[in-house]
Amino acid sequence: LAVKRHWPDEIKIVLAIPDFEMNTTEMRRALPESVSIAD
């Protein structure tokens, strides 16, 4: 289910792109399996 909203034209994006790649699967493993209700 996807709902699109028009982005405000005046807000631009600045990217800082490091010279190394990241593995999404490995970065996912860094996350805990559960979090607190507060978080």
Full PDB file with SEQRES, HELIX, SHEET, SSBOND, CRYST1, ORIGX, SCALE, CONECT and MASTER records, all heavy atoms in Angstrom:
SEQRES   1 A   39  LEU ALA VAL LYS ARG HIS TRP PRO ASP GLU ILE LYS ILE          
SEQRES   2 A   39  VAL LEU ALA ILE PRO ASP PHE GLU MET ASN THR THR GLU          
SEQRES   3 A   39  MET ARG ARG ALA LEU PRO GLU SER VAL SER ILE ALA ASP          
HELIX    1 AA1 THR A   24  ARG A   29  1                                   6    
CRYST1    1.000    1.000    1.000  90.00  90.00  90.00 P 1           1          
ORIGX1      1.000000  0.000000  0.000000        0.00000                         
ORIGX2      0.000000  1.000000  0.000000        0.00000                         
ORIGX3      0.000000  0.000000  1.000000        0.00000                         
SCALE1      1.000000  0.000000  0.000000        0.00000                         
SCALE2      0.000000  1.000000  0.000000        0.00000                         
SCALE3      0.000000  0.000000  1.000000        0.00000                         
ATOM      1  N   LEU A   1       0.874  -1.159   0.000  1.00  0.00           N  
ATOM      2  CA  LEU A   1       0.000   0.000   0.000  1.00  0.00           C  
ATOM      3  C   LEU A   1       0.914   1.212   0.000  1.00  0.00           C  
ATOM      4  O   LEU A   1       1.755   1.361   0.897  1.00  0.00           O  
ATOM      5  CB  LEU A   1      -0.891   0.020   1.242  1.00  0.00           C  
ATOM      6  CG  LEU A   1      -1.912  -1.110   1.384  1.00  0.00           C  
ATOM      7  CD1 LEU A   1      -2.660  -0.971   2.702  1.00  0.00           C  
ATOM      8  CD2 LEU A   1      -2.888  -1.089   0.214  1.00  0.00           C  
ATOM      9  N   ALA A   2       0.790   2.056  -0.990  1.00  0.00           N  
ATOM     10  CA  ALA A   2       1.692   3.197  -1.128  1.00  0.00           C  
ATOM     11  C   ALA A   2       0.886   4.473  -1.335  1.00  0.00           C  
ATOM     12  O   ALA A   2       0.030   4.536  -2.220  1.00  0.00           O  
ATOM     13  CB  ALA A   2       2.645   2.981  -2.300  1.00  0.00           C  
ATOM     14  N   VAL A   3       1.176   5.467  -0.510  1.00  0.00           N  
ATOM     15  CA  VAL A   3       0.512   6.761  -0.617  1.00  0.00           C  
ATOM     16  C   VAL A   3       1.577   7.823  -0.854  1.00  0.00           C  
ATOM     17  O   VAL A   3       2.506   7.974  -0.057  1.00  0.00           O  
ATOM     18  CB  VAL A   3      -0.300   7.091   0.649  1.00  0.00           C  
ATOM     19  CG1 VAL A   3      -0.933   8.474   0.525  1.00  0.00           C  
ATOM     20  CG2 VAL A   3      -1.369   6.039   0.893  1.00  0.00           C  
ATOM     21  N   LYS A   4       1.427   8.538  -1.954  1.00  0.00           N  
ATOM     22  CA  LYS A   4       2.406   9.551  -2.362  1.00  0.00           C  
ATOM     23  C   LYS A   4       1.945  10.943  -1.950  1.00  0.00           C  
ATOM     24  O   LYS A   4       0.767  11.272  -2.028  1.00  0.00           O  
ATOM     25  CB  LYS A   4       2.588   9.498  -3.878  1.00  0.00           C  
ATOM     26  CG  LYS A   4       3.427  10.630  -4.452  1.00  0.00           C  
ATOM     27  CD  LYS A   4       3.429  10.590  -5.961  1.00  0.00           C  
ATOM     28  CE  LYS A   4       4.128  11.817  -6.541  1.00  0.00           C  
ATOM     29  NZ  LYS A   4       4.119  11.795  -8.020  1.00  0.00           N  
ATOM     30  N   ARG A   5       2.921  11.742  -1.537  1.00  0.00           N  
ATOM     31  CA  ARG A   5       2.682  13.153  -1.230  1.00  0.00           C  
ATOM     32  C   ARG A   5       3.712  13.981  -2.000  1.00  0.00           C  
ATOM     33  O   ARG A   5       4.878  13.611  -2.084  1.00  0.00           O  
ATOM     34  CB  ARG A   5       2.810  13.393   0.273  1.00  0.00           C  
ATOM     35  CG  ARG A   5       2.823  14.852   0.685  1.00  0.00           C  
ATOM     36  CD  ARG A   5       2.790  14.984   2.203  1.00  0.00           C  
ATOM     37  NE  ARG A   5       1.453  14.770   2.700  1.00  0.00           N  
ATOM     38  CZ  ARG A   5       1.163  14.235   3.885  1.00  0.00           C  
ATOM     39  NH1 ARG A   5       2.133  13.822   4.678  1.00  0.00           N  
ATOM     40  NH2 ARG A   5      -0.083  14.094   4.270  1.00  0.00           N  
ATOM     41  N   HIS A   6       3.268  15.102  -2.547  1.00  0.00           N  
ATOM     42  CA  HIS A   6       4.171  16.007  -3.248  1.00  0.00           C  
ATOM     43  C   HIS A   6       5.138  16.630  -2.250  1.00  0.00           C  
ATOM     44  O   HIS A   6       4.732  17.126  -1.198  1.00  0.00           O  
ATOM     45  CB  HIS A   6       3.377  17.101  -3.968  1.00  0.00           C  
ATOM     46  CG  HIS A   6       4.224  18.012  -4.806  1.00  0.00           C  
ATOM     47  ND1 HIS A   6       4.461  17.782  -6.141  1.00  0.00           N  
ATOM     48  CD2 HIS A   6       4.906  19.145  -4.488  1.00  0.00           C  
ATOM     49  CE1 HIS A   6       5.241  18.734  -6.614  1.00  0.00           C  
ATOM     50  NE2 HIS A   6       5.528  19.581  -5.629  1.00  0.00           N  
ATOM     51  N   TRP A   7       6.414  16.588  -2.585  1.00  0.00           N  
ATOM     52  CA  TRP A   7       7.438  17.157  -1.724  1.00  0.00           C  
ATOM     53  C   TRP A   7       7.564  18.659  -1.986  1.00  0.00           C  
ATOM     54  O   TRP A   7       7.549  19.085  -3.146  1.00  0.00           O  
ATOM     55  CB  TRP A   7       8.782  16.475  -1.980  1.00  0.00           C  
ATOM     56  CG  TRP A   7       9.899  16.931  -1.096  1.00  0.00           C  
ATOM     57  CD1 TRP A   7      10.899  17.786  -1.416  1.00  0.00           C  
ATOM     58  CD2 TRP A   7      10.107  16.553   0.269  1.00  0.00           C  
ATOM     59  NE1 TRP A   7      11.740  17.971  -0.344  1.00  0.00           N  
ATOM     60  CE2 TRP A   7      11.277  17.220   0.703  1.00  0.00           C  
ATOM     61  CE3 TRP A   7       9.438  15.711   1.155  1.00  0.00           C  
ATOM     62  CZ2 TRP A   7      11.787  17.069   1.996  1.00  0.00           C  
ATOM     63  CZ3 TRP A   7       9.939  15.564   2.444  1.00  0.00           C  
ATOM     64  CH2 TRP A   7      11.088  16.239   2.854  1.00  0.00           C  
ATOM     65  N   PRO A   8       7.719  19.474  -0.949  1.00  0.00           N  
ATOM     66  CA  PRO A   8       7.867  20.929  -1.153  1.00  0.00           C  
ATOM     67  C   PRO A   8       9.100  21.245  -2.006  1.00  0.00           C  
ATOM     68  O   PRO A   8      10.215  20.823  -1.675  1.00  0.00           O  
ATOM     69  CB  PRO A   8       8.030  21.463   0.277  1.00  0.00           C  
ATOM     70  CG  PRO A   8       7.430  20.419   1.159  1.00  0.00           C  
ATOM     71  CD  PRO A   8       7.700  19.110   0.479  1.00  0.00           C  
ATOM     72  N   ASP A   9       8.903  21.990  -3.075  1.00  0.00           N  
ATOM     73  CA  ASP A   9       9.973  22.228  -4.030  1.00  0.00           C  
ATOM     74  C   ASP A   9      11.157  22.977  -3.428  1.00  0.00           C  
ATOM     75  O   ASP A   9      12.294  22.822  -3.888  1.00  0.00           O  
ATOM     76  CB  ASP A   9       9.437  23.021  -5.234  1.00  0.00           C  
ATOM     77  CG  ASP A   9       8.448  22.220  -6.059  1.00  0.00           C  
ATOM     78  OD1 ASP A   9       8.575  20.983  -6.098  1.00  0.00           O  
ATOM     79  OD2 ASP A   9       7.549  22.829  -6.663  1.00  0.00           O  
ATOM     80  N   GLU A  10      10.913  23.796  -2.402  1.00  0.00           N  
ATOM     81  CA  GLU A  10      11.999  24.615  -1.866  1.00  0.00           C  
ATOM     82  C   GLU A  10      12.966  23.839  -0.973  1.00  0.00           C  
ATOM     83  O   GLU A  10      14.063  24.310  -0.666  1.00  0.00           O  
ATOM     84  CB  GLU A  10      11.446  25.818  -1.090  1.00  0.00           C  
ATOM     85  CG  GLU A  10      10.685  25.480   0.170  1.00  0.00           C  
ATOM     86  CD  GLU A  10       9.184  25.317  -0.056  1.00  0.00           C  
ATOM     87  OE1 GLU A  10       8.804  24.823  -1.143  1.00  0.00           O  
ATOM     88  OE2 GLU A  10       8.417  25.684   0.839  1.00  0.00           O  
ATOM     89  N   ILE A  11      12.574  22.646  -0.531  1.00  0.00           N  
ATOM     90  CA  ILE A  11      13.464  21.851   0.326  1.00  0.00           C  
ATOM     91  C   ILE A  11      14.306  20.937  -0.561  1.00  0.00           C  
ATOM     92  O   ILE A  11      13.797  20.053  -1.237  1.00  0.00           O  
ATOM     93  CB  ILE A  11      12.680  21.015   1.345  1.00  0.00           C  
ATOM     94  CG1 ILE A  11      11.834  21.922   2.238  1.00  0.00           C  
ATOM     95  CG2 ILE A  11      13.654  20.205   2.211  1.00  0.00           C  
ATOM     96  CD1 ILE A  11      11.036  21.184   3.280  1.00  0.00           C  
ATOM     97  N   LYS A  12      15.612  21.183  -0.550  1.00  0.00           N  
ATOM     98  CA  LYS A  12      16.558  20.416  -1.346  1.00  0.00           C  
ATOM     99  C   LYS A  12      17.266  19.393  -0.457  1.00  0.00           C  
ATOM    100  O   LYS A  12      17.183  19.442   0.768  1.00  0.00           O  
ATOM    101  CB  LYS A  12      17.589  21.341  -1.991  1.00  0.00           C  
ATOM    102  CG  LYS A  12      16.995  22.544  -2.702  1.00  0.00           C  
ATOM    103  CD  LYS A  12      16.082  22.167  -3.840  1.00  0.00           C  
ATOM    104  CE  LYS A  12      15.561  23.413  -4.553  1.00  0.00           C  
ATOM    105  NZ  LYS A  12      14.614  23.083  -5.644  1.00  0.00           N  
ATOM    106  N   ILE A  13      17.983  18.517  -1.119  1.00  0.00           N  
ATOM    107  CA  ILE A  13      18.677  17.433  -0.435  1.00  0.00           C  
ATOM    108  C   ILE A  13      20.185  17.583  -0.646  1.00  0.00           C  
ATOM    109  O   ILE A  13      20.642  17.779  -1.774  1.00  0.00           O  
ATOM    110  CB  ILE A  13      18.230  16.065  -0.981  1.00  0.00           C  
ATOM    111  CG1 ILE A  13      16.693  15.934  -0.937  1.00  0.00           C  
ATOM    112  CG2 ILE A  13      18.909  14.939  -0.229  1.00  0.00           C  
ATOM    113  CD1 ILE A  13      16.096  16.030   0.430  1.00  0.00           C  
ATOM    114  N   VAL A  14      20.936  17.495   0.439  1.00  0.00           N  
ATOM    115  CA  VAL A  14      22.388  17.460   0.371  1.00  0.00           C  
ATOM    116  C   VAL A  14      22.835  16.048   0.743  1.00  0.00           C  
ATOM    117  O   VAL A  14      22.458  15.525   1.800  1.00  0.00           O  
ATOM    118  CB  VAL A  14      23.034  18.483   1.318  1.00  0.00           C  
ATOM    119  CG1 VAL A  14      24.559  18.338   1.295  1.00  0.00           C  
ATOM    120  CG2 VAL A  14      22.636  19.902   0.920  1.00  0.00           C  
ATOM    121  N   LEU A  15      23.616  15.427  -0.132  1.00  0.00           N  
ATOM    122  CA  LEU A  15      24.113  14.079   0.103  1.00  0.00           C  
ATOM    123  C   LEU A  15      25.603  14.118   0.404  1.00  0.00           C  
ATOM    124  O   LEU A  15      26.365  14.823  -0.276  1.00  0.00           O  
ATOM    125  CB  LEU A  15      23.894  13.204  -1.140  1.00  0.00           C  
ATOM    126  CG  LEU A  15      22.457  13.037  -1.632  1.00  0.00           C  
ATOM    127  CD1 LEU A  15      22.453  12.236  -2.936  1.00  0.00           C  
ATOM    128  CD2 LEU A  15      21.595  12.362  -0.586  1.00  0.00           C  
ATOM    129  N   ALA A  16      26.004  13.378   1.413  1.00  0.00           N  
ATOM    130  CA  ALA A  16      27.415  13.121   1.673  1.00  0.00           C  
ATOM    131  C   ALA A  16      27.625  11.628   1.483  1.00  0.00           C  
ATOM    132  O   ALA A  16      27.115  10.813   2.263  1.00  0.00           O  
ATOM    133  CB  ALA A  16      27.800  13.549   3.086  1.00  0.00           C  
ATOM    134  N   ILE A  17      28.352  11.260   0.434  1.00  0.00           N  
ATOM    135  CA  ILE A  17      28.468   9.874   0.002  1.00  0.00           C  
ATOM    136  C   ILE A  17      29.883   9.371   0.276  1.00  0.00           C  
ATOM    137  O   ILE A  17      30.823   9.712  -0.458  1.00  0.00           O  
ATOM    138  CB  ILE A  17      28.141   9.740  -1.495  1.00  0.00           C  
ATOM    139  CG1 ILE A  17      26.775  10.390  -1.806  1.00  0.00           C  
ATOM    140  CG2 ILE A  17      28.146   8.274  -1.923  1.00  0.00           C  
ATOM    141  CD1 ILE A  17      26.489  10.519  -3.289  1.00  0.00           C  
ATOM    142  N   PRO A  18      30.086   8.587   1.322  1.00  0.00           N  
ATOM    143  CA  PRO A  18      31.423   8.059   1.620  1.00  0.00           C  
ATOM    144  C   PRO A  18      31.935   7.152   0.507  1.00  0.00           C  
ATOM    145  O   PRO A  18      31.163   6.639  -0.314  1.00  0.00           O  
ATOM    146  CB  PRO A  18      31.210   7.273   2.918  1.00  0.00           C  
ATOM    147  CG  PRO A  18      30.018   7.913   3.549  1.00  0.00           C  
ATOM    148  CD  PRO A  18      29.126   8.272   2.383  1.00  0.00           C  
ATOM    149  N   ASP A  19      33.248   6.945   0.522  1.00  0.00           N  
ATOM    150  CA  ASP A  19      33.867   6.154  -0.543  1.00  0.00           C  
ATOM    151  C   ASP A  19      33.857   4.666  -0.250  1.00  0.00           C  
ATOM    152  O   ASP A  19      34.629   3.909  -0.844  1.00  0.00           O  
ATOM    153  CB  ASP A  19      35.299   6.633  -0.795  1.00  0.00           C  
ATOM    154  CG  ASP A  19      36.196   6.494   0.427  1.00  0.00           C  
ATOM    155  OD1 ASP A  19      35.700   6.009   1.473  1.00  0.00           O  
ATOM    156  OD2 ASP A  19      37.376   6.868   0.353  1.00  0.00           O  
ATOM    157  N   PHE A  20      32.985   4.216   0.659  1.00  0.00           N  
ATOM    158  CA  PHE A  20      32.874   2.781   0.910  1.00  0.00           C  
ATOM    159  C   PHE A  20      31.410   2.363   0.873  1.00  0.00           C  
ATOM    160  O   PHE A  20      30.510   3.154   1.147  1.00  0.00           O  
ATOM    161  CB  PHE A  20      33.497   2.397   2.261  1.00  0.00           C  
ATOM    162  CG  PHE A  20      32.892   3.088   3.459  1.00  0.00           C  
ATOM    163  CD1 PHE A  20      31.772   2.591   4.090  1.00  0.00           C  
ATOM    164  CD2 PHE A  20      33.469   4.256   3.951  1.00  0.00           C  
ATOM    165  CE1 PHE A  20      31.220   3.225   5.191  1.00  0.00           C  
ATOM    166  CE2 PHE A  20      32.926   4.904   5.054  1.00  0.00           C  
ATOM    167  CZ  PHE A  20      31.797   4.381   5.670  1.00  0.00           C  
ATOM    168  N   GLU A  21      31.185   1.102   0.518  1.00  0.00           N  
ATOM    169  CA  GLU A  21      29.835   0.560   0.421  1.00  0.00           C  
ATOM    170  C   GLU A  21      29.399  -0.003   1.766  1.00  0.00           C  
ATOM    171  O   GLU A  21      30.215  -0.294   2.638  1.00  0.00           O  
ATOM    172  CB  GLU A  21      29.780  -0.545  -0.639  1.00  0.00           C  
ATOM    173  CG  GLU A  21      30.153  -0.072  -2.028  1.00  0.00           C  
ATOM    174  CD  GLU A  21      30.100  -1.187  -3.058  1.00  0.00           C  
ATOM    175  OE1 GLU A  21      29.839  -2.353  -2.660  1.00  0.00           O  
ATOM    176  OE2 GLU A  21      30.310  -0.909  -4.248  1.00  0.00           O  
ATOM    177  N   MET A  22      28.075  -0.151   1.935  1.00  0.00           N  
ATOM    178  CA  MET A  22      27.517  -0.796   3.114  1.00  0.00           C  
ATOM    179  C   MET A  22      26.624  -1.939   2.660  1.00  0.00           C  
ATOM    180  O   MET A  22      25.867  -1.797   1.695  1.00  0.00           O  
ATOM    181  CB  MET A  22      26.699   0.180   3.958  1.00  0.00           C  
ATOM    182  CG  MET A  22      27.498   1.329   4.550  1.00  0.00           C  
ATOM    183  SD  MET A  22      28.840   0.823   5.641  1.00  0.00           S  
ATOM    184  CE  MET A  22      27.934  -0.024   6.929  1.00  0.00           C  
ATOM    185  N   ASN A  23      26.708  -3.065   3.356  1.00  0.00           N  
ATOM    186  CA  ASN A  23      25.859  -4.210   3.068  1.00  0.00           C  
ATOM    187  C   ASN A  23      24.581  -4.099   3.903  1.00  0.00           C  
ATOM    188  O   ASN A  23      24.633  -4.102   5.131  1.00  0.00           O  
ATOM    189  CB  ASN A  23      26.602  -5.508   3.396  1.00  0.00           C  
ATOM    190  CG  ASN A  23      25.794  -6.733   3.053  1.00  0.00           C  
ATOM    191  OD1 ASN A  23      24.812  -7.057   3.729  1.00  0.00           O  
ATOM    192  ND2 ASN A  23      26.188  -7.427   2.002  1.00  0.00           N  
ATOM    193  N   THR A  24      23.447  -3.983   3.222  1.00  0.00           N  
ATOM    194  CA  THR A  24      22.178  -3.783   3.924  1.00  0.00           C  
ATOM    195  C   THR A  24      21.871  -4.922   4.886  1.00  0.00           C  
ATOM    196  O   THR A  24      21.393  -4.702   6.001  1.00  0.00           O  
ATOM    197  CB  THR A  24      21.032  -3.624   2.912  1.00  0.00           C  
ATOM    198  OG1 THR A  24      21.310  -2.508   2.053  1.00  0.00           O  
ATOM    199  CG2 THR A  24      19.709  -3.375   3.629  1.00  0.00           C  
ATOM    200  N   THR A  25      22.157  -6.151   4.465  1.00  0.00           N  
ATOM    201  CA  THR A  25      21.880  -7.308   5.327  1.00  0.00           C  
ATOM    202  C   THR A  25      22.702  -7.240   6.601  1.00  0.00           C  
ATOM    203  O   THR A  25      22.192  -7.478   7.706  1.00  0.00           O  
ATOM    204  CB  THR A  25      22.171  -8.615   4.578  1.00  0.00           C  
ATOM    205  OG1 THR A  25      21.361  -8.675   3.399  1.00  0.00           O  
ATOM    206  CG2 THR A  25      21.868  -9.817   5.453  1.00  0.00           C  
ATOM    207  N   GLU A  26      23.979  -6.892   6.474  1.00  0.00           N  
ATOM    208  CA  GLU A  26      24.829  -6.774   7.661  1.00  0.00           C  
ATOM    209  C   GLU A  26      24.368  -5.645   8.568  1.00  0.00           C  
ATOM    210  O   GLU A  26      24.381  -5.771   9.797  1.00  0.00           O  
ATOM    211  CB  GLU A  26      26.280  -6.554   7.233  1.00  0.00           C  
ATOM    212  CG  GLU A  26      26.915  -7.771   6.583  1.00  0.00           C  
ATOM    213  CD  GLU A  26      28.359  -7.524   6.203  1.00  0.00           C  
ATOM    214  OE1 GLU A  26      28.883  -6.437   6.548  1.00  0.00           O  
ATOM    215  OE2 GLU A  26      28.957  -8.400   5.570  1.00  0.00           O  
ATOM    216  N   MET A  27      23.968  -4.527   7.972  1.00  0.00           N  
ATOM    217  CA  MET A  27      23.496  -3.400   8.782  1.00  0.00           C  
ATOM    218  C   MET A  27      22.181  -3.739   9.480  1.00  0.00           C  
ATOM    219  O   MET A  27      21.887  -3.249  10.570  1.00  0.00           O  
ATOM    220  CB  MET A  27      23.334  -2.164   7.908  1.00  0.00           C  
ATOM    221  CG  MET A  27      24.653  -1.614   7.405  1.00  0.00           C  
ATOM    222  SD  MET A  27      25.736  -1.077   8.753  1.00  0.00           S  
ATOM    223  CE  MET A  27      25.003   0.499   9.143  1.00  0.00           C  
ATOM    224  N   ARG A  28      21.385  -4.607   8.879  1.00  0.00           N  
ATOM    225  CA  ARG A  28      20.144  -5.057   9.510  1.00  0.00           C  
ATOM    226  C   ARG A  28      20.448  -5.908  10.738  1.00  0.00           C  
ATOM    227  O   ARG A  28      19.722  -5.859  11.734  1.00  0.00           O  
ATOM    228  CB  ARG A  28      19.324  -5.832   8.483  1.00  0.00           C  
ATOM    229  CG  ARG A  28      17.941  -6.271   8.921  1.00  0.00           C  
ATOM    230  CD  ARG A  28      17.005  -5.104   9.072  1.00  0.00           C  
ATOM    231  NE  ARG A  28      16.356  -4.725   7.852  1.00  0.00           N  
ATOM    232  CZ  ARG A  28      15.287  -3.940   7.793  1.00  0.00           C  
ATOM    233  NH1 ARG A  28      14.751  -3.462   8.893  1.00  0.00           N  
ATOM    234  NH2 ARG A  28      14.757  -3.597   6.655  1.00  0.00           N  
ATOM    235  N   ARG A  29      21.529  -6.676  10.664  1.00  0.00           N  
ATOM    236  CA  ARG A  29      21.903  -7.520  11.796  1.00  0.00           C  
ATOM    237  C   ARG A  29      22.322  -6.694  13.011  1.00  0.00           C  
ATOM    238  O   ARG A  29      22.345  -7.218  14.134  1.00  0.00           O  
ATOM    239  CB  ARG A  29      23.045  -8.456  11.395  1.00  0.00           C  
ATOM    240  CG  ARG A  29      22.665  -9.519  10.381  1.00  0.00           C  
ATOM    241  CD  ARG A  29      23.732 -10.601  10.332  1.00  0.00           C  
ATOM    242  NE  ARG A  29      23.524 -11.480   9.192  1.00  0.00           N  
ATOM    243  CZ  ARG A  29      24.263 -11.476   8.094  1.00  0.00           C  
ATOM    244  NH1 ARG A  29      25.280 -10.642   7.990  1.00  0.00           N  
ATOM    245  NH2 ARG A  29      24.017 -12.313   7.109  1.00  0.00           N  
ATOM    246  N   ALA A  30      22.681  -5.462  12.803  1.00  0.00           N  
ATOM    247  CA  ALA A  30      23.081  -4.603  13.926  1.00  0.00           C  
ATOM    248  C   ALA A  30      21.896  -4.210  14.798  1.00  0.00           C  
ATOM    249  O   ALA A  30      22.084  -3.732  15.928  1.00  0.00           O  
ATOM    250  CB  ALA A  30      23.772  -3.347  13.397  1.00  0.00           C  
ATOM    251  N   LEU A  31      20.695  -4.421  14.306  1.00  0.00           N  
ATOM    252  CA  LEU A  31      19.500  -3.965  15.019  1.00  0.00           C  
ATOM    253  C   LEU A  31      19.034  -5.010  16.028  1.00  0.00           C  
ATOM    254  O   LEU A  31      19.147  -6.210  15.797  1.00  0.00           O  
ATOM    255  CB  LEU A  31      18.375  -3.673  14.025  1.00  0.00           C  
ATOM    256  CG  LEU A  31      18.720  -2.714  12.886  1.00  0.00           C  
ATOM    257  CD1 LEU A  31      17.507  -2.468  12.017  1.00  0.00           C  
ATOM    258  CD2 LEU A  31      19.285  -1.408  13.418  1.00  0.00           C  
ATOM    259  N   PRO A  32      18.469  -4.575  17.145  1.00  0.00           N  
ATOM    260  CA  PRO A  32      17.957  -5.529  18.138  1.00  0.00           C  
ATOM    261  C   PRO A  32      16.685  -6.195  17.641  1.00  0.00           C  
ATOM    262  O   PRO A  32      15.967  -5.645  16.796  1.00  0.00           O  
ATOM    263  CB  PRO A  32      17.673  -4.640  19.359  1.00  0.00           C  
ATOM    264  CG  PRO A  32      17.368  -3.302  18.767  1.00  0.00           C  
ATOM    265  CD  PRO A  32      18.263  -3.170  17.570  1.00  0.00           C  
ATOM    266  N   GLU A  33      16.390  -7.380  18.169  1.00  0.00           N  
ATOM    267  CA  GLU A  33      15.170  -8.082  17.780  1.00  0.00           C  
ATOM    268  C   GLU A  33      13.935  -7.486  18.430  1.00  0.00           C  
ATOM    269  O   GLU A  33      12.812  -7.684  17.956  1.00  0.00           O  
ATOM    270  CB  GLU A  33      15.285  -9.567  18.134  1.00  0.00           C  
ATOM    271  CG  GLU A  33      16.345 -10.306  17.325  1.00  0.00           C  
ATOM    272  CD  GLU A  33      16.347 -11.789  17.610  1.00  0.00           C  
ATOM    273  OE1 GLU A  33      15.490 -12.247  18.404  1.00  0.00           O  
ATOM    274  OE2 GLU A  33      17.193 -12.507  17.043  1.00  0.00           O  
ATOM    275  N   SER A  34      14.105  -6.769  19.533  1.00  0.00           N  
ATOM    276  CA  SER A  34      12.971  -6.122  20.199  1.00  0.00           C  
ATOM    277  C   SER A  34      13.443  -4.806  20.799  1.00  0.00           C  
ATOM    278  O   SER A  34      14.631  -4.608  21.056  1.00  0.00           O  
ATOM    279  CB  SER A  34      12.385  -7.024  21.292  1.00  0.00           C  
ATOM    280  OG  SER A  34      13.360  -7.288  22.286  1.00  0.00           O  
ATOM    281  N   VAL A  35      12.479  -3.901  20.980  1.00  0.00           N  
ATOM    282  CA  VAL A  35      12.769  -2.600  21.578  1.00  0.00           C  
ATOM    283  C   VAL A  35      11.723  -2.311  22.645  1.00  0.00           C  
ATOM    284  O   VAL A  35      10.667  -2.965  22.712  1.00  0.00           O  
ATOM    285  CB  VAL A  35      12.762  -1.468  20.529  1.00  0.00           C  
ATOM    286  CG1 VAL A  35      13.840  -1.685  19.491  1.00  0.00           C  
ATOM    287  CG2 VAL A  35      11.393  -1.351  19.853  1.00  0.00           C  
ATOM    288  N   SER A  36      11.976  -1.312  23.453  1.00  0.00           N  
ATOM    289  CA  SER A  36      11.041  -0.961  24.514  1.00  0.00           C  
ATOM    290  C   SER A  36       9.823  -0.241  23.938  1.00  0.00           C  
ATOM    291  O   SER A  36       9.879   0.349  22.851  1.00  0.00           O  
ATOM    292  CB  SER A  36      11.719  -0.059  25.542  1.00  0.00           C  
ATOM    293  OG  SER A  36      11.997   1.211  24.966  1.00  0.00           O  
ATOM    294  N   ILE A  37       8.732  -0.293  24.676  1.00  0.00           N  
ATOM    295  CA  ILE A  37       7.540   0.465  24.288  1.00  0.00           C  
ATOM    296  C   ILE A  37       7.876   1.950  24.186  1.00  0.00           C  
ATOM    297  O   ILE A  37       7.410   2.648  23.272  1.00  0.00           O  
ATOM    298  CB  ILE A  37       6.403   0.245  25.311  1.00  0.00           C  
ATOM    299  CG1 ILE A  37       5.817  -1.170  25.154  1.00  0.00           C  
ATOM    300  CG2 ILE A  37       5.298   1.285  25.141  1.00  0.00           C  
ATOM    301  CD1 ILE A  37       5.030  -1.375  23.881  1.00  0.00           C  
ATOM    302  N   ALA A  38       8.691   2.443  25.118  1.00  0.00           N  
ATOM    303  CA  ALA A  38       9.045   3.864  25.113  1.00  0.00           C  
ATOM    304  C   ALA A  38       9.743   4.255  23.815  1.00  0.00           C  
ATOM    305  O   ALA A  38       9.441   5.304  23.216  1.00  0.00           O  
ATOM    306  CB  ALA A  38       9.933   4.186  26.312  1.00  0.00           C  
ATOM    307  N   ASP A  39      10.673   3.404  23.338  1.00  0.00           N  
ATOM    308  CA  ASP A  39      11.372   3.719  22.094  1.00  0.00           C  
ATOM    309  C   ASP A  39      10.445   3.589  20.888  1.00  0.00           C  
ATOM    310  O   ASP A  39      10.528   4.385  19.942  1.00  0.00           O  
ATOM    311  CB  ASP A  39      12.581   2.802  21.923  1.00  0.00           C  
ATOM    312  CG  ASP A  39      13.729   3.176  22.850  1.00  0.00           C  
ATOM    313  OD1 ASP A  39      13.663   4.256  23.480  1.00  0.00           O  
ATOM    314  OD2 ASP A  39      14.698   2.387  22.952  1.00  0.00           O  
TER     315      ASP A  39                                                      
MASTER        0    0    0    1    0    0    0    6  314    1    0    3          
END                                                                             
